[in-house]
Amino acid sequence: MAVDLVIDVENTPGSLARIAAAISDAGVNIAAATCVGPADRAELHILVKHAEAARHSLALSHDVTVSREREVVVVDVEDVPGVLADLTRRIAQAGVNIDLVYVATGNRVVFGADDLPALREALALAPGHVH
């Protein structure tokens, strides 16, 4: 199961490095990450398969708390123009509102929505492999 963890971090040099090290020290691979926050704080999203181990390592080693987590849908895609447009068009035609999207390693796109079953159904018709 792919899980998006959200961590509120200080927007200072080294914050991401400390978090990434704690997660890797737990033996958890970060398959994707995105960080947004132009001010003193930032919201870090990381994609992992083993959320419990990542949460535990962060809490123990860096006193970092995961503020939110949820299952997301990950789609294998080709790295060609128009893929994101095609996928999001299918999602829109199914009436699903996505509230999260970012690119992961290995030509994959991560989607989040309140209605994951409908999101999966909309993407099942898309070329590629849906996780």
Protein backbone atom coordinates (compact mmCIF):
# COMPACT_ATOMS: atom_id res chain seq x y z
CA MET A 1 0.00 0.00 0.00
CA ALA A 2 1.35 3.42 -0.96
CA VAL A 3 1.06 5.99 1.82
CA ASP A 4 1.55 9.76 1.67
CA LEU A 5 2.98 11.04 4.95
CA VAL A 6 2.73 14.76 5.68
CA ILE A 7 5.27 16.29 8.03
CA ASP A 8 5.30 19.91 9.16
CA VAL A 9 8.98 20.92 9.10
CA GLU A 10 11.09 23.96 9.80
CA ASN A 11 12.01 25.54 6.49
CA THR A 12 15.74 25.65 7.29
CA PRO A 13 18.86 24.13 5.73
CA GLY A 14 19.24 20.50 6.79
CA SER A 15 15.63 19.80 7.83
CA LEU A 16 14.93 17.55 4.87
CA ALA A 17 18.31 15.83 5.24
CA ARG A 18 17.58 14.92 8.89
CA ILE A 19 14.14 13.56 8.05
CA ALA A 20 15.38 11.60 5.03
CA ALA A 21 18.20 10.11 7.12
CA ALA A 22 15.81 9.03 9.88
CA ILE A 23 13.54 7.31 7.38
CA SER A 24 16.39 5.58 5.58
CA ASP A 25 17.90 4.51 8.94
CA ALA A 26 14.62 2.66 9.54
CA GLY A 27 15.15 0.80 6.25
CA VAL A 28 12.26 2.58 4.56
CA ASN A 29 12.61 3.77 0.98
CA ILE A 30 11.27 7.20 0.08
CA ALA A 31 9.69 6.67 -3.33
CA ALA A 32 8.77 10.35 -3.79
CA ALA A 33 8.87 13.63 -1.94
CA THR A 34 7.59 17.14 -2.41
CA CYS A 35 7.92 20.09 -0.07
CA VAL A 36 5.97 23.35 -0.19
CA GLY A 37 6.37 26.31 2.08
CA PRO A 38 7.94 29.65 1.32
CA ALA A 39 7.89 30.83 4.93
CA ASP A 40 9.37 29.55 8.23
CA ARG A 41 7.44 26.26 8.05
CA ALA A 42 6.97 23.86 5.15
CA GLU A 43 4.73 20.89 4.44
CA LEU A 44 6.72 17.84 3.38
CA HIS A 45 4.91 15.01 1.60
CA ILE A 46 6.74 11.70 1.31
CA LEU A 47 5.60 8.51 -0.38
CA VAL A 48 6.46 5.29 1.46
CA LYS A 49 5.26 1.69 1.61
CA HIS A 50 6.07 1.21 5.30
CA ALA A 51 4.45 4.13 7.10
CA GLU A 52 4.62 2.66 10.60
CA ALA A 53 8.39 2.17 10.49
CA ALA A 54 8.91 5.68 9.10
CA ARG A 55 6.67 7.26 11.77
CA HIS A 56 8.39 5.34 14.54
CA SER A 57 11.89 6.30 13.42
CA LEU A 58 10.96 9.97 13.06
CA ALA A 59 9.39 10.10 16.51
CA LEU A 60 12.31 8.39 18.21
CA SER A 61 15.28 9.95 16.52
CA HIS A 62 14.17 13.45 15.64
CA ASP A 63 11.07 14.18 17.68
CA VAL A 64 9.24 14.72 14.38
CA THR A 65 5.54 13.97 14.15
CA VAL A 66 3.65 12.97 11.05
CA SER A 67 0.73 15.40 10.96
CA ARG A 68 -1.36 13.48 8.42
CA GLU A 69 -1.18 10.28 6.47
CA ARG A 70 -3.35 8.59 3.91
CA GLU A 71 -3.37 5.96 1.26
CA VAL A 72 -2.80 7.28 -2.26
CA VAL A 73 -2.97 5.88 -5.77
CA VAL A 74 0.27 5.52 -7.73
CA VAL A 75 0.21 5.09 -11.50
CA ASP A 76 3.07 3.88 -13.70
CA VAL A 77 3.27 6.16 -16.73
CA GLU A 78 5.35 6.74 -19.83
CA ASP A 79 7.58 9.80 -19.79
CA VAL A 80 5.97 11.52 -22.78
CA PRO A 81 4.09 14.78 -23.30
CA GLY A 82 0.38 14.68 -22.50
CA VAL A 83 0.32 11.79 -20.01
CA LEU A 84 -0.68 13.94 -17.02
CA ALA A 85 -3.31 15.72 -19.13
CA ASP A 86 -4.80 12.38 -20.23
CA LEU A 87 -4.87 10.95 -16.70
CA THR A 88 -6.40 14.03 -15.11
CA ARG A 89 -8.97 14.27 -17.92
CA ARG A 90 -10.10 10.70 -17.15
CA ILE A 91 -10.32 11.53 -13.46
CA ALA A 92 -12.34 14.68 -14.16
CA GLN A 93 -14.71 12.81 -16.51
CA ALA A 94 -15.38 10.36 -13.68
CA GLY A 95 -16.34 13.30 -11.45
CA VAL A 96 -13.46 12.74 -9.01
CA ASN A 97 -11.77 15.74 -7.42
CA ILE A 98 -8.06 15.17 -6.82
CA ASP A 99 -6.48 17.12 -3.98
CA LEU A 100 -2.91 15.88 -4.32
CA VAL A 101 -0.61 15.12 -7.23
CA TYR A 102 3.15 14.73 -7.47
CA VAL A 103 5.68 12.76 -9.49
CA ALA A 104 7.51 9.78 -8.01
CA THR A 105 10.60 7.86 -9.01
CA GLY A 106 10.39 5.45 -11.91
CA ASN A 107 7.95 7.40 -14.09
CA ARG A 108 5.07 7.28 -11.65
CA VAL A 109 2.42 9.82 -10.70
CA VAL A 110 0.89 9.97 -7.20
CA PHE A 111 -2.76 11.01 -6.83
CA GLY A 112 -4.79 11.69 -3.70
CA ALA A 113 -8.57 12.11 -3.43
CA ASP A 114 -11.30 11.72 -0.84
CA ASP A 115 -12.87 8.97 -2.96
CA LEU A 116 -10.04 6.47 -3.61
CA PRO A 117 -12.29 3.74 -5.06
CA ALA A 118 -13.67 6.17 -7.67
CA LEU A 119 -10.16 7.43 -8.39
CA ARG A 120 -8.90 3.87 -8.93
CA GLU A 121 -11.87 3.11 -11.16
CA ALA A 122 -11.25 6.22 -13.26
CA LEU A 123 -7.59 5.33 -13.64
CA ALA A 124 -8.21 1.66 -14.40
CA LEU A 125 -9.02 2.64 -17.96
CA ALA A 126 -5.72 4.53 -18.30
CA PRO A 127 -2.67 2.95 -19.90
CA GLY A 128 -0.03 1.93 -17.38
CA HIS A 129 -0.30 0.16 -14.08
CA VAL A 130 -2.30 1.46 -11.12
CA HIS A 131 -1.06 0.62 -7.57
